[in-house]
Amino acid sequence: MRKRISERTLLALCWLGGWPDALIGTQVFRHKGSKKAFIHKVYFAARFQAALLCATLLLMWQPV
C-alpha cells in the first residue's frame, strides 16, 4: 500500500513552482479540492511567484 503525501510536502512543491500541477491535480484527482485552506495557500504561492517574476522583469528592464 502506498503512503499518502502530506499537505506540507504538497505545499512545499507548490512553493518550488509546482502550483500549476497542484491546481490541475485538485481537479483531475479530486484530491484536496474541497480543502479551502489548502487551495488558498496554493493560490497565494501562485500570486507570490507571479509578483516575484514581475518584479524581476521590471528590475531587468532598465531604459537607457
C-alpha atoms as a PDB file:
ATOM      1  CA  MET A   1       0.000   0.000   0.000  1.00  0.00           C
ATOM      2  CA  ARG A   2       1.337   3.413  -0.942  1.00  0.00           C
ATOM      3  CA  LYS A   3       1.724   6.145   1.618  1.00  0.00           C
ATOM      4  CA  ARG A   4      -0.078   9.421   1.134  1.00  0.00           C
ATOM      5  CA  ILE A   5       1.821  12.640   0.564  1.00  0.00           C
ATOM      6  CA  SER A   6       1.427  15.119   3.395  1.00  0.00           C
ATOM      7  CA  GLU A   7      -0.104  18.529   2.850  1.00  0.00           C
ATOM      8  CA  ARG A   8       3.159  20.108   3.971  1.00  0.00           C
ATOM      9  CA  THR A   9       5.029  18.306   1.177  1.00  0.00           C
ATOM     10  CA  LEU A  10       2.440  19.311  -1.407  1.00  0.00           C
ATOM     11  CA  LEU A  11       2.663  22.950  -0.349  1.00  0.00           C
ATOM     12  CA  ALA A  12       6.466  22.838  -0.418  1.00  0.00           C
ATOM     13  CA  LEU A  13       6.279  21.611  -4.001  1.00  0.00           C
ATOM     14  CA  CYS A  14       3.862  24.444  -4.795  1.00  0.00           C
ATOM     15  CA  TRP A  15       6.375  26.969  -3.497  1.00  0.00           C
ATOM     16  CA  LEU A  16       9.054  25.375  -5.680  1.00  0.00           C
ATOM     17  CA  GLY A  17       6.979  26.134  -8.775  1.00  0.00           C
ATOM     18  CA  GLY A  18       4.567  23.224  -8.822  1.00  0.00           C
ATOM     19  CA  TRP A  19       1.423  25.251  -8.183  1.00  0.00           C
ATOM     20  CA  PRO A  20       0.026  24.755 -11.734  1.00  0.00           C
ATOM     21  CA  ASP A  21       0.275  20.997 -11.244  1.00  0.00           C
ATOM     22  CA  ALA A  22      -1.334  21.279  -7.820  1.00  0.00           C
ATOM     23  CA  LEU A  23      -4.309  23.149  -9.249  1.00  0.00           C
ATOM     24  CA  ILE A  24      -4.686  20.650 -12.073  1.00  0.00           C
ATOM     25  CA  GLY A  25      -4.280  17.749  -9.654  1.00  0.00           C
ATOM     26  CA  THR A  26      -7.065  19.010  -7.403  1.00  0.00           C
ATOM     27  CA  GLN A  27      -9.399  18.891 -10.400  1.00  0.00           C
ATOM     28  CA  VAL A  28      -8.222  15.685 -12.078  1.00  0.00           C
ATOM     29  CA  PHE A  29      -7.708  13.540  -8.989  1.00  0.00           C
ATOM     30  CA  ARG A  30     -10.273  15.325  -6.787  1.00  0.00           C
ATOM     31  CA  HIS A  31      -7.717  15.426  -4.015  1.00  0.00           C
ATOM     32  CA  LYS A  32      -7.607  18.380  -1.611  1.00  0.00           C
ATOM     33  CA  GLY A  33     -10.074  20.253  -3.839  1.00  0.00           C
ATOM     34  CA  SER A  34     -12.579  20.708  -1.041  1.00  0.00           C
ATOM     35  CA  LYS A  35      -9.926  21.892   1.431  1.00  0.00           C
ATOM     36  CA  LYS A  36     -10.367  25.659   1.149  1.00  0.00           C
ATOM     37  CA  ALA A  37      -7.329  26.427   3.309  1.00  0.00           C
ATOM     38  CA  PHE A  38      -5.103  24.327   1.038  1.00  0.00           C
ATOM     39  CA  ILE A  39      -6.468  25.941  -2.125  1.00  0.00           C
ATOM     40  CA  HIS A  40      -5.951  29.433  -0.664  1.00  0.00           C
ATOM     41  CA  LYS A  41      -2.327  28.570   0.158  1.00  0.00           C
ATOM     42  CA  VAL A  42      -1.742  27.299  -3.383  1.00  0.00           C
ATOM     43  CA  TYR A  43      -3.214  30.479  -4.875  1.00  0.00           C
ATOM     44  CA  PHE A  44      -1.084  32.560  -2.512  1.00  0.00           C
ATOM     45  CA  ALA A  45       2.045  30.753  -3.721  1.00  0.00           C
ATOM     46  CA  ALA A  46       0.994  31.382  -7.328  1.00  0.00           C
ATOM     47  CA  ARG A  47       0.366  35.102  -6.714  1.00  0.00           C
ATOM     48  CA  PHE A  48       3.649  35.470  -4.843  1.00  0.00           C
ATOM     49  CA  GLN A  49       5.625  33.822  -7.631  1.00  0.00           C
ATOM     50  CA  ALA A  50       3.868  35.928 -10.275  1.00  0.00           C
ATOM     51  CA  ALA A  51       4.682  39.095  -8.324  1.00  0.00           C
ATOM     52  CA  LEU A  52       8.287  37.966  -7.936  1.00  0.00           C
ATOM     53  CA  LEU A  53       8.529  37.336 -11.676  1.00  0.00           C
ATOM     54  CA  CYS A  54       7.060  40.777 -12.467  1.00  0.00           C
ATOM     55  CA  ALA A  55       9.444  42.489 -10.052  1.00  0.00           C
ATOM     56  CA  THR A  56      12.405  40.632 -11.555  1.00  0.00           C
ATOM     57  CA  LEU A  57      11.403  41.591 -15.081  1.00  0.00           C
ATOM     58  CA  LEU A  58      10.911  45.226 -14.103  1.00  0.00           C
ATOM     59  CA  LEU A  59      14.335  45.353 -12.467  1.00  0.00           C
ATOM     60  CA  MET A  60      15.940  43.775 -15.504  1.00  0.00           C
ATOM     61  CA  TRP A  61      14.251  46.203 -17.887  1.00  0.00           C
ATOM     62  CA  GLN A  62      16.255  49.373 -17.486  1.00  0.00           C
ATOM     63  CA  PRO A  63      15.616  52.042 -20.121  1.00  0.00           C
ATOM     64  CA  VAL A  64      18.821  53.578 -21.413  1.00  0.00           C
END
